[in-house]
N, C-alpha and C. Protein backbone atom coordinates (compact mmCIF):
# COMPACT_ATOMS: atom_id res chain seq x y z
N UNK A 1 -56.61 52.75 -21.31
CA UNK A 1 -55.86 53.28 -22.44
C UNK A 1 -56.85 53.85 -23.44
N UNK A 2 -56.60 55.09 -23.88
CA UNK A 2 -57.45 55.70 -24.89
C UNK A 2 -57.06 55.18 -26.27
N UNK A 3 -57.90 55.46 -27.25
CA UNK A 3 -57.59 55.06 -28.63
C UNK A 3 -56.31 55.74 -29.10
N UNK A 4 -56.16 57.01 -28.76
CA UNK A 4 -54.94 57.74 -29.14
C UNK A 4 -53.71 57.09 -28.51
N UNK A 5 -53.79 56.73 -27.23
CA UNK A 5 -52.66 56.08 -26.56
C UNK A 5 -52.34 54.73 -27.20
N UNK A 6 -53.38 54.00 -27.59
CA UNK A 6 -53.16 52.71 -28.26
C UNK A 6 -52.43 52.94 -29.58
N UNK A 7 -52.87 53.91 -30.36
CA UNK A 7 -52.22 54.19 -31.64
C UNK A 7 -50.78 54.66 -31.44
N UNK A 8 -50.54 55.47 -30.41
CA UNK A 8 -49.17 55.90 -30.10
C UNK A 8 -48.30 54.72 -29.71
N UNK A 9 -48.87 53.80 -28.94
CA UNK A 9 -48.12 52.60 -28.54
C UNK A 9 -47.77 51.77 -29.77
N UNK A 10 -48.74 51.59 -30.67
CA UNK A 10 -48.48 50.83 -31.89
C UNK A 10 -47.40 51.50 -32.74
N UNK A 11 -47.45 52.82 -32.82
CA UNK A 11 -46.44 53.56 -33.57
C UNK A 11 -45.05 53.36 -32.95
N UNK A 12 -44.99 53.41 -31.63
CA UNK A 12 -43.71 53.22 -30.94
C UNK A 12 -43.15 51.80 -31.17
N UNK A 13 -44.05 50.85 -31.41
CA UNK A 13 -43.64 49.47 -31.67
C UNK A 13 -43.39 49.22 -33.16
N UNK A 14 -43.36 50.29 -33.97
CA UNK A 14 -43.13 50.20 -35.42
C UNK A 14 -44.23 49.45 -36.15
N UNK A 15 -45.46 49.55 -35.65
CA UNK A 15 -46.60 48.95 -36.31
C UNK A 15 -47.20 50.00 -37.24
N UNK A 16 -47.26 49.68 -38.53
CA UNK A 16 -47.91 50.55 -39.50
C UNK A 16 -49.37 50.13 -39.59
N UNK A 17 -50.26 51.10 -39.45
CA UNK A 17 -51.68 50.79 -39.42
C UNK A 17 -52.40 51.68 -40.43
N UNK A 18 -53.37 51.09 -41.12
CA UNK A 18 -54.14 51.85 -42.11
C UNK A 18 -55.55 51.30 -42.18
N UNK A 19 -56.43 52.10 -42.78
CA UNK A 19 -57.82 51.68 -42.96
C UNK A 19 -58.03 51.30 -44.42
N UNK A 20 -58.71 50.20 -44.62
CA UNK A 20 -59.09 49.77 -45.96
C UNK A 20 -60.57 49.38 -45.89
N UNK A 21 -61.42 50.33 -46.29
CA UNK A 21 -62.85 50.11 -46.13
C UNK A 21 -63.19 50.04 -44.66
N UNK A 22 -63.83 48.96 -44.24
CA UNK A 22 -64.17 48.76 -42.83
C UNK A 22 -63.19 47.84 -42.12
N UNK A 23 -61.99 47.69 -42.69
CA UNK A 23 -60.97 46.82 -42.10
C UNK A 23 -59.76 47.63 -41.69
N UNK A 24 -59.09 47.15 -40.67
CA UNK A 24 -57.83 47.74 -40.23
C UNK A 24 -56.71 46.85 -40.76
N UNK A 25 -55.76 47.45 -41.42
CA UNK A 25 -54.59 46.72 -41.94
C UNK A 25 -53.39 47.06 -41.07
N UNK A 26 -52.62 46.04 -40.73
CA UNK A 26 -51.42 46.22 -39.91
C UNK A 26 -50.21 45.59 -40.58
N UNK A 27 -49.10 46.26 -40.47
CA UNK A 27 -47.82 45.72 -40.87
C UNK A 27 -46.92 45.89 -39.65
N UNK A 28 -46.58 44.77 -39.04
CA UNK A 28 -45.86 44.82 -37.77
C UNK A 28 -44.68 43.86 -37.77
N UNK A 29 -43.63 44.23 -37.03
CA UNK A 29 -42.52 43.30 -36.86
C UNK A 29 -43.03 42.01 -36.19
N UNK A 30 -42.38 40.92 -36.49
CA UNK A 30 -42.78 39.62 -35.94
C UNK A 30 -42.86 39.65 -34.42
N UNK A 31 -43.95 39.10 -33.89
CA UNK A 31 -44.12 38.96 -32.45
C UNK A 31 -44.60 40.20 -31.73
N UNK A 32 -44.73 41.32 -32.41
CA UNK A 32 -45.13 42.57 -31.74
C UNK A 32 -46.61 42.59 -31.41
N UNK A 33 -47.43 42.09 -32.33
CA UNK A 33 -48.88 42.12 -32.10
C UNK A 33 -49.28 40.94 -31.22
N UNK A 34 -49.25 41.17 -29.93
CA UNK A 34 -49.62 40.15 -28.96
C UNK A 34 -51.14 39.94 -28.99
N UNK A 35 -51.60 38.83 -28.45
CA UNK A 35 -53.06 38.63 -28.38
C UNK A 35 -53.76 39.78 -27.65
N UNK A 36 -53.12 40.33 -26.62
CA UNK A 36 -53.71 41.44 -25.87
C UNK A 36 -53.85 42.68 -26.75
N UNK A 37 -52.81 43.00 -27.53
CA UNK A 37 -52.88 44.16 -28.43
C UNK A 37 -53.94 43.95 -29.51
N UNK A 38 -53.99 42.73 -30.05
CA UNK A 38 -55.00 42.44 -31.07
C UNK A 38 -56.41 42.59 -30.51
N UNK A 39 -56.61 42.13 -29.29
CA UNK A 39 -57.92 42.25 -28.65
C UNK A 39 -58.27 43.72 -28.42
N UNK A 40 -57.31 44.51 -27.96
CA UNK A 40 -57.54 45.94 -27.73
C UNK A 40 -57.85 46.65 -29.05
N UNK A 41 -57.16 46.30 -30.11
CA UNK A 41 -57.43 46.89 -31.42
C UNK A 41 -58.83 46.50 -31.90
N UNK A 42 -59.21 45.27 -31.69
CA UNK A 42 -60.54 44.81 -32.09
C UNK A 42 -61.63 45.55 -31.31
N UNK A 43 -61.40 45.71 -30.03
CA UNK A 43 -62.37 46.40 -29.17
C UNK A 43 -62.52 47.86 -29.57
N UNK A 44 -61.44 48.48 -30.01
CA UNK A 44 -61.43 49.90 -30.36
C UNK A 44 -61.52 50.15 -31.87
N UNK A 45 -61.91 49.15 -32.61
CA UNK A 45 -61.94 49.26 -34.07
C UNK A 45 -62.71 50.49 -34.57
N UNK A 46 -63.93 50.78 -34.08
CA UNK A 46 -64.64 51.97 -34.59
C UNK A 46 -63.86 53.27 -34.38
N UNK A 47 -63.25 53.42 -33.20
CA UNK A 47 -62.48 54.63 -32.91
C UNK A 47 -61.22 54.72 -33.78
N UNK A 48 -60.56 53.59 -33.96
CA UNK A 48 -59.33 53.57 -34.77
C UNK A 48 -59.67 53.90 -36.22
N UNK A 49 -60.72 53.31 -36.76
CA UNK A 49 -61.12 53.61 -38.14
C UNK A 49 -61.49 55.08 -38.29
N UNK A 50 -62.22 55.62 -37.33
CA UNK A 50 -62.59 57.04 -37.39
C UNK A 50 -61.36 57.92 -37.36
N UNK A 51 -60.41 57.57 -36.52
CA UNK A 51 -59.17 58.36 -36.44
C UNK A 51 -58.40 58.30 -37.75
N UNK A 52 -58.22 57.11 -38.29
CA UNK A 52 -57.47 56.97 -39.54
C UNK A 52 -58.14 57.71 -40.68
N UNK A 53 -59.46 57.67 -40.73
CA UNK A 53 -60.19 58.40 -41.78
C UNK A 53 -60.05 59.90 -41.58
N UNK A 54 -60.17 60.35 -40.35
CA UNK A 54 -60.06 61.78 -40.07
C UNK A 54 -58.68 62.30 -40.41
N UNK A 55 -57.65 61.55 -40.07
CA UNK A 55 -56.28 61.97 -40.37
C UNK A 55 -56.06 62.06 -41.87
N UNK A 56 -56.66 61.15 -42.62
CA UNK A 56 -56.48 61.19 -44.07
C UNK A 56 -57.21 62.38 -44.69
N UNK A 57 -58.24 62.89 -44.03
CA UNK A 57 -59.03 64.00 -44.55
C UNK A 57 -58.42 65.34 -44.16
N UNK A 58 -57.99 65.46 -42.92
CA UNK A 58 -57.62 66.77 -42.41
C UNK A 58 -56.54 66.70 -41.35
N UNK A 59 -55.80 67.77 -41.22
CA UNK A 59 -54.87 67.93 -40.10
C UNK A 59 -55.39 69.05 -39.20
N UNK A 60 -56.66 69.37 -39.34
CA UNK A 60 -57.28 70.47 -38.62
C UNK A 60 -57.65 70.06 -37.21
N UNK A 61 -57.98 71.06 -36.40
CA UNK A 61 -58.51 70.79 -35.07
C UNK A 61 -59.90 70.19 -35.15
N UNK A 62 -60.63 70.49 -36.24
CA UNK A 62 -61.99 69.97 -36.40
C UNK A 62 -61.94 68.60 -37.07
N UNK A 63 -62.40 67.59 -36.35
CA UNK A 63 -62.33 66.21 -36.83
C UNK A 63 -63.74 65.75 -37.22
N UNK A 64 -63.94 65.38 -38.48
CA UNK A 64 -65.27 64.92 -38.92
C UNK A 64 -65.49 63.46 -38.52
N UNK A 65 -66.22 63.24 -37.45
CA UNK A 65 -66.47 61.88 -36.99
C UNK A 65 -67.60 61.24 -37.79
N UNK A 66 -68.66 62.00 -38.06
CA UNK A 66 -69.80 61.55 -38.87
C UNK A 66 -70.33 62.78 -39.60
N UNK A 67 -69.74 63.12 -40.75
CA UNK A 67 -70.07 64.41 -41.39
C UNK A 67 -71.37 64.46 -42.19
N UNK A 68 -72.03 63.33 -42.40
CA UNK A 68 -73.25 63.32 -43.21
C UNK A 68 -74.46 63.72 -42.37
N UNK A 69 -75.50 64.16 -43.05
CA UNK A 69 -76.76 64.43 -42.38
C UNK A 69 -77.24 65.85 -42.60
N UNK A 70 -78.53 66.06 -42.32
CA UNK A 70 -79.15 67.35 -42.59
C UNK A 70 -79.44 68.17 -41.33
N UNK A 71 -79.26 67.60 -40.19
CA UNK A 71 -79.52 68.33 -38.94
C UNK A 71 -78.38 69.28 -38.62
N UNK A 72 -78.61 70.25 -37.72
CA UNK A 72 -77.48 71.08 -37.29
C UNK A 72 -76.43 70.18 -36.63
N UNK A 73 -75.16 70.37 -36.98
CA UNK A 73 -74.13 69.47 -36.46
C UNK A 73 -73.93 69.61 -34.95
N UNK A 74 -73.54 68.50 -34.36
CA UNK A 74 -73.09 68.49 -32.98
C UNK A 74 -71.57 68.55 -33.01
N UNK A 75 -70.99 69.39 -32.18
CA UNK A 75 -69.53 69.51 -32.09
C UNK A 75 -69.12 69.22 -30.66
N UNK A 76 -68.35 68.15 -30.48
CA UNK A 76 -67.87 67.77 -29.16
C UNK A 76 -66.43 68.22 -28.97
N UNK A 77 -66.14 68.71 -27.78
CA UNK A 77 -64.78 69.15 -27.47
C UNK A 77 -64.13 68.08 -26.59
N UNK A 78 -62.93 67.69 -26.99
CA UNK A 78 -62.21 66.64 -26.27
C UNK A 78 -61.91 67.01 -24.83
N UNK A 79 -61.75 65.99 -24.03
CA UNK A 79 -61.47 66.17 -22.61
C UNK A 79 -60.04 66.58 -22.32
N UNK A 80 -59.63 66.39 -21.10
CA UNK A 80 -58.32 66.87 -20.64
C UNK A 80 -57.14 66.28 -21.42
N UNK A 81 -57.31 65.09 -22.00
CA UNK A 81 -56.20 64.48 -22.74
C UNK A 81 -56.28 64.74 -24.25
N UNK A 82 -57.29 65.50 -24.67
CA UNK A 82 -57.43 65.85 -26.08
C UNK A 82 -58.06 64.78 -26.94
N UNK A 83 -58.37 63.63 -26.36
CA UNK A 83 -58.92 62.52 -27.13
C UNK A 83 -60.36 62.83 -27.55
N UNK A 84 -60.60 62.91 -28.85
CA UNK A 84 -61.95 63.17 -29.35
C UNK A 84 -62.64 61.90 -29.80
N UNK A 85 -61.94 60.80 -29.79
CA UNK A 85 -62.52 59.57 -30.29
C UNK A 85 -63.38 58.86 -29.25
N UNK A 86 -63.49 59.48 -28.08
CA UNK A 86 -64.46 59.00 -27.11
C UNK A 86 -65.88 59.27 -27.63
N UNK A 87 -66.00 60.11 -28.66
CA UNK A 87 -67.29 60.47 -29.23
C UNK A 87 -67.76 59.54 -30.35
N UNK A 88 -66.93 58.64 -30.82
CA UNK A 88 -67.28 57.84 -31.99
C UNK A 88 -68.56 57.04 -31.76
N UNK A 89 -68.65 56.34 -30.66
CA UNK A 89 -69.83 55.49 -30.43
C UNK A 89 -71.11 56.33 -30.30
N UNK A 90 -71.03 57.44 -29.59
CA UNK A 90 -72.24 58.27 -29.45
C UNK A 90 -72.62 58.89 -30.79
N UNK A 91 -71.63 59.29 -31.58
CA UNK A 91 -71.92 59.86 -32.91
C UNK A 91 -72.65 58.84 -33.77
N UNK A 92 -72.17 57.63 -33.77
CA UNK A 92 -72.81 56.58 -34.58
C UNK A 92 -74.19 56.22 -34.03
N UNK A 93 -74.37 56.29 -32.73
CA UNK A 93 -75.68 55.95 -32.16
C UNK A 93 -76.71 57.03 -32.47
N UNK A 94 -76.27 58.24 -32.81
CA UNK A 94 -77.20 59.32 -33.15
C UNK A 94 -77.73 59.19 -34.57
N UNK A 95 -77.14 58.31 -35.37
CA UNK A 95 -77.64 58.05 -36.71
C UNK A 95 -76.99 58.89 -37.78
N UNK A 96 -77.25 58.51 -39.03
CA UNK A 96 -76.60 59.15 -40.17
C UNK A 96 -77.15 60.52 -40.50
N UNK A 97 -78.29 60.91 -39.94
CA UNK A 97 -78.83 62.24 -40.19
C UNK A 97 -78.26 63.30 -39.25
N UNK A 98 -77.46 62.87 -38.27
CA UNK A 98 -76.89 63.81 -37.31
C UNK A 98 -75.40 63.98 -37.55
N UNK A 99 -74.99 65.07 -38.23
CA UNK A 99 -73.56 65.31 -38.39
C UNK A 99 -72.90 65.47 -37.02
N UNK A 100 -71.70 64.96 -36.90
CA UNK A 100 -71.01 65.00 -35.61
C UNK A 100 -69.53 65.28 -35.88
N UNK A 101 -69.04 66.36 -35.31
CA UNK A 101 -67.64 66.74 -35.42
C UNK A 101 -67.07 66.82 -34.01
N UNK A 102 -65.76 66.83 -33.93
CA UNK A 102 -65.11 67.02 -32.63
C UNK A 102 -63.95 67.98 -32.82
N UNK A 103 -63.65 68.71 -31.77
CA UNK A 103 -62.52 69.63 -31.78
C UNK A 103 -61.43 69.09 -30.88
N UNK A 104 -60.24 68.93 -31.46
CA UNK A 104 -59.10 68.49 -30.67
C UNK A 104 -58.11 69.65 -30.57
N UNK A 105 -57.39 69.72 -29.47
CA UNK A 105 -56.50 70.86 -29.26
C UNK A 105 -55.30 70.85 -30.20
N UNK A 106 -54.84 72.03 -30.59
CA UNK A 106 -53.62 72.08 -31.40
C UNK A 106 -52.44 71.63 -30.56
N UNK A 107 -51.46 71.07 -31.23
CA UNK A 107 -50.25 70.63 -30.53
C UNK A 107 -50.20 69.14 -30.24
N UNK A 108 -51.31 68.42 -30.45
CA UNK A 108 -51.31 66.98 -30.17
C UNK A 108 -50.36 66.22 -31.08
N UNK A 109 -50.25 66.69 -32.31
CA UNK A 109 -49.39 66.01 -33.29
C UNK A 109 -48.00 66.62 -33.34
N UNK A 110 -47.69 67.55 -32.44
CA UNK A 110 -46.38 68.17 -32.41
C UNK A 110 -46.19 69.25 -33.46
N UNK A 111 -47.28 69.66 -34.14
CA UNK A 111 -47.16 70.67 -35.19
C UNK A 111 -46.99 72.08 -34.64
N UNK A 112 -47.33 72.28 -33.36
CA UNK A 112 -47.15 73.58 -32.71
C UNK A 112 -47.17 73.36 -31.21
N UNK A 113 -46.87 74.41 -30.49
CA UNK A 113 -46.91 74.32 -29.03
C UNK A 113 -48.37 74.21 -28.59
N UNK A 114 -48.68 73.37 -27.60
CA UNK A 114 -50.06 73.25 -27.15
C UNK A 114 -50.52 74.53 -26.44
N UNK A 115 -51.80 74.80 -26.53
CA UNK A 115 -52.38 75.92 -25.79
C UNK A 115 -52.64 75.44 -24.36
N UNK A 116 -52.39 76.31 -23.39
CA UNK A 116 -52.48 75.88 -22.00
C UNK A 116 -53.57 76.58 -21.21
N UNK A 117 -54.20 77.59 -21.79
CA UNK A 117 -55.26 78.32 -21.08
C UNK A 117 -56.61 78.02 -21.72
N UNK A 118 -57.61 77.87 -20.89
CA UNK A 118 -58.96 77.58 -21.37
C UNK A 118 -59.44 78.66 -22.31
N UNK A 119 -59.20 79.92 -21.98
CA UNK A 119 -59.67 81.00 -22.85
C UNK A 119 -58.98 80.95 -24.21
N UNK A 120 -57.70 80.57 -24.25
CA UNK A 120 -56.99 80.44 -25.53
C UNK A 120 -57.56 79.30 -26.36
N UNK A 121 -57.85 78.18 -25.70
CA UNK A 121 -58.46 77.05 -26.41
C UNK A 121 -59.84 77.44 -26.95
N UNK A 122 -60.63 78.10 -26.13
CA UNK A 122 -61.97 78.50 -26.56
C UNK A 122 -61.90 79.44 -27.76
N UNK A 123 -60.99 80.39 -27.73
CA UNK A 123 -60.84 81.32 -28.86
C UNK A 123 -60.37 80.57 -30.12
N UNK A 124 -59.43 79.65 -29.95
CA UNK A 124 -58.94 78.85 -31.08
C UNK A 124 -60.09 78.05 -31.69
N UNK A 125 -60.86 77.37 -30.85
CA UNK A 125 -61.97 76.56 -31.32
C UNK A 125 -63.05 77.42 -31.98
N UNK A 126 -63.34 78.59 -31.42
CA UNK A 126 -64.35 79.48 -32.01
C UNK A 126 -63.93 79.87 -33.43
N UNK A 127 -62.66 80.16 -33.62
CA UNK A 127 -62.16 80.49 -34.96
C UNK A 127 -62.30 79.32 -35.92
N UNK A 128 -61.95 78.12 -35.46
CA UNK A 128 -62.06 76.93 -36.31
C UNK A 128 -63.51 76.64 -36.67
N UNK A 129 -64.42 76.86 -35.73
CA UNK A 129 -65.84 76.63 -36.01
C UNK A 129 -66.36 77.65 -37.03
N UNK A 130 -65.95 78.91 -36.88
CA UNK A 130 -66.38 79.93 -37.84
C UNK A 130 -65.86 79.62 -39.24
N UNK A 131 -64.64 79.09 -39.32
CA UNK A 131 -64.07 78.70 -40.63
C UNK A 131 -64.85 77.55 -41.26
N UNK A 132 -65.08 76.51 -40.48
CA UNK A 132 -65.67 75.28 -41.01
C UNK A 132 -67.18 75.34 -41.13
N UNK A 133 -67.83 76.03 -40.23
CA UNK A 133 -69.30 76.09 -40.21
C UNK A 133 -69.74 77.54 -40.15
N UNK A 134 -69.47 78.32 -41.20
CA UNK A 134 -69.73 79.76 -41.15
C UNK A 134 -71.21 80.12 -41.04
N UNK A 135 -72.09 79.21 -41.42
CA UNK A 135 -73.52 79.49 -41.33
C UNK A 135 -74.04 79.36 -39.91
N UNK A 136 -73.20 78.87 -39.01
CA UNK A 136 -73.60 78.74 -37.62
C UNK A 136 -74.57 77.60 -37.40
N UNK A 137 -75.38 77.74 -36.37
CA UNK A 137 -76.38 76.75 -35.97
C UNK A 137 -75.77 75.37 -35.79
N UNK A 138 -75.18 75.15 -34.64
CA UNK A 138 -74.65 73.84 -34.28
C UNK A 138 -74.80 73.66 -32.78
N UNK A 139 -74.76 72.41 -32.36
CA UNK A 139 -74.80 72.08 -30.94
C UNK A 139 -73.37 71.93 -30.47
N UNK A 140 -73.10 72.36 -29.27
CA UNK A 140 -71.75 72.33 -28.74
C UNK A 140 -71.78 71.66 -27.38
N UNK A 141 -70.87 70.73 -27.16
CA UNK A 141 -70.78 70.05 -25.88
C UNK A 141 -69.37 69.58 -25.64
N UNK A 142 -69.13 69.06 -24.47
CA UNK A 142 -67.80 68.59 -24.17
C UNK A 142 -67.78 67.54 -23.10
N UNK A 143 -66.73 66.76 -23.12
CA UNK A 143 -66.52 65.70 -22.14
C UNK A 143 -65.41 66.15 -21.20
N UNK A 144 -65.63 66.01 -19.90
CA UNK A 144 -64.61 66.34 -18.90
C UNK A 144 -64.22 67.81 -19.04
N UNK A 145 -62.96 68.11 -19.20
CA UNK A 145 -62.51 69.49 -19.34
C UNK A 145 -63.08 70.13 -20.60
N UNK A 146 -63.43 69.32 -21.59
CA UNK A 146 -64.04 69.85 -22.80
C UNK A 146 -65.36 70.56 -22.53
N UNK A 147 -66.07 70.13 -21.50
CA UNK A 147 -67.31 70.81 -21.11
C UNK A 147 -67.04 72.22 -20.61
N UNK A 148 -65.95 72.38 -19.88
CA UNK A 148 -65.56 73.71 -19.40
C UNK A 148 -65.19 74.61 -20.58
N UNK A 149 -64.42 74.07 -21.52
CA UNK A 149 -64.01 74.84 -22.69
C UNK A 149 -65.24 75.19 -23.54
N UNK A 150 -66.17 74.25 -23.68
CA UNK A 150 -67.39 74.51 -24.46
C UNK A 150 -68.18 75.66 -23.85
N UNK A 151 -68.29 75.69 -22.53
CA UNK A 151 -69.00 76.76 -21.86
C UNK A 151 -68.30 78.09 -22.09
N UNK A 152 -66.98 78.10 -21.99
CA UNK A 152 -66.19 79.31 -22.22
C UNK A 152 -66.30 79.74 -23.67
N UNK A 153 -66.30 78.79 -24.58
CA UNK A 153 -66.36 79.09 -26.00
C UNK A 153 -67.68 79.77 -26.34
N UNK A 154 -68.75 79.29 -25.76
CA UNK A 154 -70.05 79.88 -26.02
C UNK A 154 -70.04 81.35 -25.65
N UNK A 155 -69.36 81.69 -24.56
CA UNK A 155 -69.27 83.07 -24.13
C UNK A 155 -68.38 83.90 -25.05
N UNK A 156 -67.28 83.30 -25.54
CA UNK A 156 -66.35 84.09 -26.34
C UNK A 156 -66.82 84.27 -27.78
N UNK A 157 -67.69 83.40 -28.28
CA UNK A 157 -68.11 83.51 -29.67
C UNK A 157 -69.41 84.28 -29.83
N UNK A 158 -70.01 84.72 -28.76
CA UNK A 158 -71.27 85.47 -28.85
C UNK A 158 -71.02 86.90 -29.26
């Protein structure tokens, strides 16, 4: 189960979840938070906190996972399921001097129809990168299908 799937499951169970500093706050109907769910939430705490913080900052495709630092930013493109929170641990392991962003596909939150072609995703992402990082100079990579989109994006933004 991905972090996104876990959060969707919690939402379906009427669990309200929020971040308060480095803590996760939950408001859940009695008996809903089973020991298994609590363990999964504990295991995924860094990803859940990053997601909650990113959602509070932006509804954009560009998700700031670790926005601080002076190096050229690394931008990771989500895999086939759109989950960008697979990057949280690697972003944190790179340290506070390495900015780390991720691009998630439009349509995940139901705000628009999802894009279905790699070239359309690459063009969408190239536009979002130009908006957010107009000075350029960033590293681009991807996980799973995100690697294919990253390769295509490099070609379309040149």
